[in-house]
Amino acid sequence: MKSTELRDLSVAELVAKEKEMAEELFTMKLRHGLNQLNNPLSIRKARRALARIKTKLAERRREQAL
């Protein structure tokens, strides 16, 4: 998910997306350990997408605190 797409989401949607991506990353890591993951680089992409979501969520929460 791109940063421009995250910009349009609300805080509640970002929290839901964060949870979804964390679950997806967990599943990918589990499948990778069992040698069932076709593309191991998808773990890197998911991890970075989760980091983008967490960063945008932290920015939004800081804005709301002010």
C-alpha atoms as a PDB file:
ATOM      1  CA  MET A   1       0.000   0.000   0.000  1.00  0.00           C
ATOM      2  CA  LYS A   2       1.371   3.370  -1.005  1.00  0.00           C
ATOM      3  CA  SER A   3       1.689   6.416   1.221  1.00  0.00           C
ATOM      4  CA  THR A   4      -0.727   8.339  -0.974  1.00  0.00           C
ATOM      5  CA  GLU A   5      -3.387   5.697  -0.369  1.00  0.00           C
ATOM      6  CA  LEU A   6      -2.796   5.837   3.384  1.00  0.00           C
ATOM      7  CA  ARG A   7      -3.251   9.593   3.422  1.00  0.00           C
ATOM      8  CA  ASP A   8      -6.955   9.226   2.630  1.00  0.00           C
ATOM      9  CA  LEU A   9      -7.712   6.712   5.409  1.00  0.00           C
ATOM     10  CA  SER A  10      -9.109   7.620   8.818  1.00  0.00           C
ATOM     11  CA  VAL A  11      -7.480   6.585  12.097  1.00  0.00           C
ATOM     12  CA  ALA A  12      -9.949   3.729  12.565  1.00  0.00           C
ATOM     13  CA  GLU A  13      -9.252   2.465   9.052  1.00  0.00           C
ATOM     14  CA  LEU A  14      -5.506   2.686   9.665  1.00  0.00           C
ATOM     15  CA  VAL A  15      -5.838   0.656  12.868  1.00  0.00           C
ATOM     16  CA  ALA A  16      -7.836  -1.995  11.006  1.00  0.00           C
ATOM     17  CA  LYS A  17      -5.298  -2.037   8.173  1.00  0.00           C
ATOM     18  CA  GLU A  18      -2.443  -2.343  10.698  1.00  0.00           C
ATOM     19  CA  LYS A  19      -4.056  -5.378  12.293  1.00  0.00           C
ATOM     20  CA  GLU A  20      -4.732  -6.935   8.896  1.00  0.00           C
ATOM     21  CA  MET A  21      -1.139  -6.443   7.731  1.00  0.00           C
ATOM     22  CA  ALA A  22       0.291  -7.786  10.999  1.00  0.00           C
ATOM     23  CA  GLU A  23      -1.780 -10.956  10.618  1.00  0.00           C
ATOM     24  CA  GLU A  24      -0.745 -11.288   6.985  1.00  0.00           C
ATOM     25  CA  LEU A  25       2.933 -10.871   7.892  1.00  0.00           C
ATOM     26  CA  PHE A  26       2.619 -13.500  10.620  1.00  0.00           C
ATOM     27  CA  THR A  27       1.059 -15.934   8.152  1.00  0.00           C
ATOM     28  CA  MET A  28       3.805 -15.259   5.614  1.00  0.00           C
ATOM     29  CA  LYS A  29       6.534 -15.905   8.171  1.00  0.00           C
ATOM     30  CA  LEU A  30       4.849 -19.126   9.234  1.00  0.00           C
ATOM     31  CA  ARG A  31       4.512 -20.325   5.649  1.00  0.00           C
ATOM     32  CA  HIS A  32       8.133 -19.341   4.956  1.00  0.00           C
ATOM     33  CA  GLY A  33       9.282 -21.484   7.864  1.00  0.00           C
ATOM     34  CA  LEU A  34       7.387 -24.427   6.414  1.00  0.00           C
ATOM     35  CA  ASN A  35       8.846 -23.782   2.931  1.00  0.00           C
ATOM     36  CA  GLN A  36       5.397 -23.104   1.491  1.00  0.00           C
ATOM     37  CA  LEU A  37       5.945 -19.466   0.545  1.00  0.00           C
ATOM     38  CA  ASN A  38       6.509 -18.975  -3.183  1.00  0.00           C
ATOM     39  CA  ASN A  39       8.103 -15.526  -2.961  1.00  0.00           C
ATOM     40  CA  PRO A  40      10.151 -14.832   0.197  1.00  0.00           C
ATOM     41  CA  LEU A  41      10.554 -11.186  -0.849  1.00  0.00           C
ATOM     42  CA  SER A  42       6.850 -10.696  -0.180  1.00  0.00           C
ATOM     43  CA  ILE A  43       7.752 -10.766   3.534  1.00  0.00           C
ATOM     44  CA  ARG A  44       9.943  -7.696   3.032  1.00  0.00           C
ATOM     45  CA  LYS A  45       7.188  -5.887   1.143  1.00  0.00           C
ATOM     46  CA  ALA A  46       4.626  -6.699   3.834  1.00  0.00           C
ATOM     47  CA  ARG A  47       6.989  -5.611   6.611  1.00  0.00           C
ATOM     48  CA  ARG A  48       7.637  -2.285   4.912  1.00  0.00           C
ATOM     49  CA  ALA A  49       3.941  -1.743   4.218  1.00  0.00           C
ATOM     50  CA  LEU A  50       3.213  -2.367   7.901  1.00  0.00           C
ATOM     51  CA  ALA A  51       5.904   0.161   8.848  1.00  0.00           C
ATOM     52  CA  ARG A  52       4.339   2.753   6.525  1.00  0.00           C
ATOM     53  CA  ILE A  53       0.942   2.175   8.119  1.00  0.00           C
ATOM     54  CA  LYS A  54       2.357   2.489  11.644  1.00  0.00           C
ATOM     55  CA  THR A  55       4.199   5.681  10.717  1.00  0.00           C
ATOM     56  CA  LYS A  56       1.098   7.294   9.227  1.00  0.00           C
ATOM     57  CA  LEU A  57      -0.952   6.192  12.254  1.00  0.00           C
ATOM     58  CA  ALA A  58       1.564   7.780  14.637  1.00  0.00           C
ATOM     59  CA  GLU A  59       1.466  11.015  12.615  1.00  0.00           C
ATOM     60  CA  ARG A  60      -2.322  11.109  12.785  1.00  0.00           C
ATOM     61  CA  ARG A  61      -2.350  10.481  16.525  1.00  0.00           C
ATOM     62  CA  ARG A  62       0.178  13.279  17.046  1.00  0.00           C
ATOM     63  CA  GLU A  63      -1.986  15.638  14.993  1.00  0.00           C
ATOM     64  CA  GLN A  64      -5.056  14.761  17.062  1.00  0.00           C
ATOM     65  CA  ALA A  65      -3.163  15.346  20.309  1.00  0.00           C
ATOM     66  CA  LEU A  66      -2.471  18.949  19.322  1.00  0.00           C
END
